[in-house]
Amino acid sequence: MTHPFHPLYRQELDFVRRRSHWGGDRVFYRDHHGHLTSMPAHWTNVIPEDPFVTMARGRTPFRGDDLVALVALVARLRS
């Protein structure tokens, strides 16, 4: 678990599989009771870290592609 605000942060999970479920990329795992449960894949290290995030090392909260998309959204909303 890599999501810093999740109660399972830095704990290893009993990974079962990764798949698209209800339109989202999810990781399925067994909880401490043995029940199958899931969470968004981007909360785990199943997906490699974005190279931009690695290079920025916390110096910026925004990726270039996200800022370009935001500018396009604002332009569309203003018209």
N, C-alpha and C. Protein backbone atom coordinates (compact mmCIF):
# COMPACT_ATOMS: atom_id res chain seq x y z
N MET A 1 0.85 -1.17 0.00
CA MET A 1 0.00 0.00 0.00
C MET A 1 0.90 1.23 0.00
N THR A 2 0.73 2.08 -0.98
CA THR A 2 1.57 3.28 -1.07
C THR A 2 0.81 4.58 -0.86
N HIS A 3 -0.52 4.55 -0.74
CA HIS A 3 -1.29 5.78 -0.53
C HIS A 3 -1.04 6.26 0.89
N PRO A 4 -0.45 7.45 1.06
CA PRO A 4 0.00 7.89 2.38
C PRO A 4 -1.08 8.10 3.43
N PHE A 5 -2.35 8.26 3.03
CA PHE A 5 -3.40 8.51 4.01
C PHE A 5 -4.27 7.28 4.28
N HIS A 6 -3.94 6.16 3.67
CA HIS A 6 -4.72 4.94 3.87
C HIS A 6 -4.22 4.24 5.14
N PRO A 7 -5.14 3.64 5.91
CA PRO A 7 -4.72 2.96 7.15
C PRO A 7 -3.75 1.80 6.92
N LEU A 8 -3.73 1.25 5.72
CA LEU A 8 -2.82 0.14 5.42
C LEU A 8 -1.50 0.61 4.81
N TYR A 9 -1.22 1.90 4.88
CA TYR A 9 -0.01 2.47 4.30
C TYR A 9 1.23 1.68 4.72
N ARG A 10 2.04 1.36 3.73
CA ARG A 10 3.31 0.62 3.88
C ARG A 10 3.15 -0.83 4.31
N GLN A 11 1.93 -1.34 4.32
CA GLN A 11 1.74 -2.75 4.64
C GLN A 11 1.71 -3.56 3.35
N GLU A 12 2.20 -4.78 3.43
CA GLU A 12 2.13 -5.67 2.27
C GLU A 12 0.79 -6.38 2.30
N LEU A 13 0.18 -6.52 1.13
CA LEU A 13 -1.13 -7.15 1.01
C LEU A 13 -1.00 -8.50 0.33
N ASP A 14 -1.97 -9.36 0.59
CA ASP A 14 -2.02 -10.68 -0.05
C ASP A 14 -2.66 -10.50 -1.43
N PHE A 15 -1.84 -10.13 -2.41
CA PHE A 15 -2.29 -9.80 -3.75
C PHE A 15 -2.94 -11.02 -4.41
N VAL A 16 -4.11 -10.78 -5.06
CA VAL A 16 -4.80 -11.83 -5.80
C VAL A 16 -4.71 -11.56 -7.29
N ARG A 17 -5.17 -10.36 -7.71
CA ARG A 17 -5.10 -10.01 -9.12
C ARG A 17 -5.37 -8.53 -9.32
N ARG A 18 -5.05 -8.08 -10.52
CA ARG A 18 -5.34 -6.70 -10.93
C ARG A 18 -6.25 -6.78 -12.15
N ARG A 19 -7.32 -5.97 -12.14
CA ARG A 19 -8.21 -5.96 -13.29
C ARG A 19 -9.05 -4.69 -13.30
N SER A 20 -9.66 -4.45 -14.46
CA SER A 20 -10.57 -3.33 -14.60
C SER A 20 -11.92 -3.74 -14.03
N HIS A 21 -12.44 -2.94 -13.13
CA HIS A 21 -13.69 -3.28 -12.46
C HIS A 21 -14.48 -1.99 -12.25
N TRP A 22 -15.70 -1.96 -12.72
CA TRP A 22 -16.55 -0.78 -12.62
C TRP A 22 -15.86 0.45 -13.19
N GLY A 23 -15.18 0.25 -14.30
CA GLY A 23 -14.55 1.36 -15.01
C GLY A 23 -13.25 1.85 -14.41
N GLY A 24 -12.73 1.17 -13.43
CA GLY A 24 -11.47 1.59 -12.81
C GLY A 24 -10.48 0.45 -12.71
N ASP A 25 -9.22 0.78 -12.69
CA ASP A 25 -8.15 -0.20 -12.55
C ASP A 25 -8.03 -0.52 -11.05
N ARG A 26 -8.28 -1.78 -10.68
CA ARG A 26 -8.32 -2.15 -9.27
C ARG A 26 -7.37 -3.30 -8.97
N VAL A 27 -6.91 -3.34 -7.73
CA VAL A 27 -6.12 -4.45 -7.21
C VAL A 27 -6.99 -5.20 -6.22
N PHE A 28 -7.09 -6.51 -6.41
CA PHE A 28 -7.86 -7.35 -5.49
C PHE A 28 -6.88 -8.07 -4.58
N TYR A 29 -7.22 -8.13 -3.31
CA TYR A 29 -6.35 -8.76 -2.31
C TYR A 29 -7.20 -9.37 -1.21
N ARG A 30 -6.58 -10.20 -0.38
CA ARG A 30 -7.26 -10.79 0.78
C ARG A 30 -6.90 -9.96 2.01
N ASP A 31 -7.94 -9.56 2.76
CA ASP A 31 -7.69 -8.79 3.98
C ASP A 31 -7.25 -9.74 5.10
N HIS A 32 -7.05 -9.22 6.30
CA HIS A 32 -6.54 -10.04 7.40
C HIS A 32 -7.54 -11.10 7.87
N HIS A 33 -8.81 -11.00 7.40
CA HIS A 33 -9.81 -12.02 7.69
C HIS A 33 -9.93 -13.04 6.56
N GLY A 34 -9.17 -12.83 5.49
CA GLY A 34 -9.23 -13.72 4.34
C GLY A 34 -10.29 -13.35 3.32
N HIS A 35 -10.97 -12.21 3.53
CA HIS A 35 -12.01 -11.78 2.60
C HIS A 35 -11.39 -11.08 1.40
N LEU A 36 -11.96 -11.35 0.22
CA LEU A 36 -11.50 -10.69 -1.00
C LEU A 36 -12.01 -9.25 -1.01
N THR A 37 -11.13 -8.31 -1.20
CA THR A 37 -11.49 -6.90 -1.26
C THR A 37 -10.62 -6.23 -2.31
N SER A 38 -10.90 -4.97 -2.60
CA SER A 38 -10.13 -4.30 -3.63
C SER A 38 -9.91 -2.84 -3.29
N MET A 39 -8.99 -2.23 -4.05
CA MET A 39 -8.70 -0.81 -3.93
C MET A 39 -8.18 -0.34 -5.28
N PRO A 40 -8.19 0.97 -5.52
CA PRO A 40 -7.65 1.48 -6.78
C PRO A 40 -6.18 1.07 -6.94
N ALA A 41 -5.83 0.63 -8.13
CA ALA A 41 -4.46 0.18 -8.38
C ALA A 41 -3.44 1.28 -8.13
N HIS A 42 -3.81 2.55 -8.38
CA HIS A 42 -2.84 3.63 -8.20
C HIS A 42 -2.53 3.92 -6.74
N TRP A 43 -3.23 3.27 -5.82
CA TRP A 43 -2.90 3.39 -4.40
C TRP A 43 -1.81 2.40 -4.01
N THR A 44 -1.38 1.57 -4.93
CA THR A 44 -0.40 0.53 -4.64
C THR A 44 0.82 0.72 -5.54
N ASN A 45 1.80 -0.16 -5.38
CA ASN A 45 2.97 -0.10 -6.25
C ASN A 45 2.85 -1.07 -7.42
N VAL A 46 1.64 -1.55 -7.71
CA VAL A 46 1.42 -2.42 -8.87
C VAL A 46 1.69 -1.64 -10.16
N ILE A 47 1.32 -0.36 -10.17
CA ILE A 47 1.59 0.50 -11.31
C ILE A 47 2.91 1.22 -11.05
N PRO A 48 3.84 1.16 -11.99
CA PRO A 48 5.11 1.87 -11.77
C PRO A 48 4.86 3.37 -11.58
N GLU A 49 5.68 3.99 -10.75
CA GLU A 49 5.53 5.42 -10.49
C GLU A 49 5.75 6.21 -11.77
N ASP A 50 4.96 7.25 -11.96
CA ASP A 50 5.08 8.13 -13.11
C ASP A 50 6.50 8.72 -13.12
N PRO A 51 7.22 8.64 -14.27
CA PRO A 51 8.59 9.17 -14.32
C PRO A 51 8.67 10.65 -13.93
N PHE A 52 7.63 11.43 -14.26
CA PHE A 52 7.65 12.84 -13.88
C PHE A 52 7.64 12.99 -12.37
N VAL A 53 6.81 12.20 -11.71
CA VAL A 53 6.73 12.26 -10.24
C VAL A 53 8.08 11.90 -9.64
N THR A 54 8.74 10.91 -10.21
CA THR A 54 10.06 10.50 -9.72
C THR A 54 11.07 11.63 -9.88
N MET A 55 11.08 12.25 -11.06
CA MET A 55 12.05 13.31 -11.32
C MET A 55 11.74 14.58 -10.51
N ALA A 56 10.47 14.90 -10.31
CA ALA A 56 10.10 16.12 -9.59
C ALA A 56 10.40 16.02 -8.10
N ARG A 57 10.40 14.81 -7.57
CA ARG A 57 10.69 14.55 -6.15
C ARG A 57 9.95 15.51 -5.21
N GLY A 58 8.65 15.73 -5.48
CA GLY A 58 7.83 16.55 -4.60
C GLY A 58 7.94 18.04 -4.78
N ARG A 59 8.73 18.49 -5.76
CA ARG A 59 8.91 19.93 -5.95
C ARG A 59 7.72 20.59 -6.64
N THR A 60 6.86 19.80 -7.29
CA THR A 60 5.69 20.36 -7.94
C THR A 60 4.52 19.39 -7.84
N PRO A 61 3.33 19.89 -7.54
CA PRO A 61 2.18 19.00 -7.43
C PRO A 61 1.51 18.73 -8.78
N PHE A 62 1.98 19.39 -9.87
CA PHE A 62 1.32 19.28 -11.17
C PHE A 62 2.24 18.70 -12.23
N ARG A 63 1.67 17.84 -13.08
CA ARG A 63 2.39 17.35 -14.24
C ARG A 63 2.06 18.27 -15.41
N GLY A 64 2.97 18.38 -16.36
CA GLY A 64 2.76 19.24 -17.52
C GLY A 64 1.48 18.90 -18.28
N ASP A 65 1.25 17.61 -18.52
CA ASP A 65 0.04 17.18 -19.24
C ASP A 65 -1.23 17.60 -18.49
N ASP A 66 -1.19 17.53 -17.16
CA ASP A 66 -2.36 17.94 -16.37
C ASP A 66 -2.62 19.43 -16.50
N LEU A 67 -1.56 20.24 -16.52
CA LEU A 67 -1.74 21.68 -16.67
C LEU A 67 -2.30 22.04 -18.05
N VAL A 68 -1.82 21.36 -19.09
CA VAL A 68 -2.35 21.59 -20.44
C VAL A 68 -3.82 21.23 -20.48
N ALA A 69 -4.21 20.11 -19.87
CA ALA A 69 -5.62 19.71 -19.83
C ALA A 69 -6.45 20.72 -19.05
N LEU A 70 -5.90 21.27 -17.97
CA LEU A 70 -6.61 22.27 -17.18
C LEU A 70 -6.85 23.54 -17.99
N VAL A 71 -5.84 23.99 -18.73
CA VAL A 71 -5.99 25.18 -19.58
C VAL A 71 -7.10 24.95 -20.61
N ALA A 72 -7.11 23.76 -21.22
CA ALA A 72 -8.14 23.45 -22.22
C ALA A 72 -9.53 23.43 -21.57
N LEU A 73 -9.64 22.88 -20.37
CA LEU A 73 -10.92 22.84 -19.66
C LEU A 73 -11.41 24.25 -19.33
N VAL A 74 -10.53 25.10 -18.81
CA VAL A 74 -10.92 26.46 -18.47
C VAL A 74 -11.35 27.21 -19.73
N ALA A 75 -10.62 27.05 -20.82
CA ALA A 75 -10.98 27.72 -22.08
C ALA A 75 -12.35 27.26 -22.55
N ARG A 76 -12.62 25.96 -22.44
CA ARG A 76 -13.92 25.42 -22.85
C ARG A 76 -15.05 25.96 -21.96
N LEU A 77 -14.81 26.04 -20.67
CA LEU A 77 -15.83 26.53 -19.75
C LEU A 77 -16.10 28.03 -19.94
N ARG A 78 -15.08 28.78 -20.33
CA ARG A 78 -15.25 30.22 -20.51
C ARG A 78 -15.98 30.55 -21.80
N SER A 79 -15.98 29.65 -22.77
CA SER A 79 -16.64 29.94 -24.06
C SER A 79 -18.11 29.57 -24.06
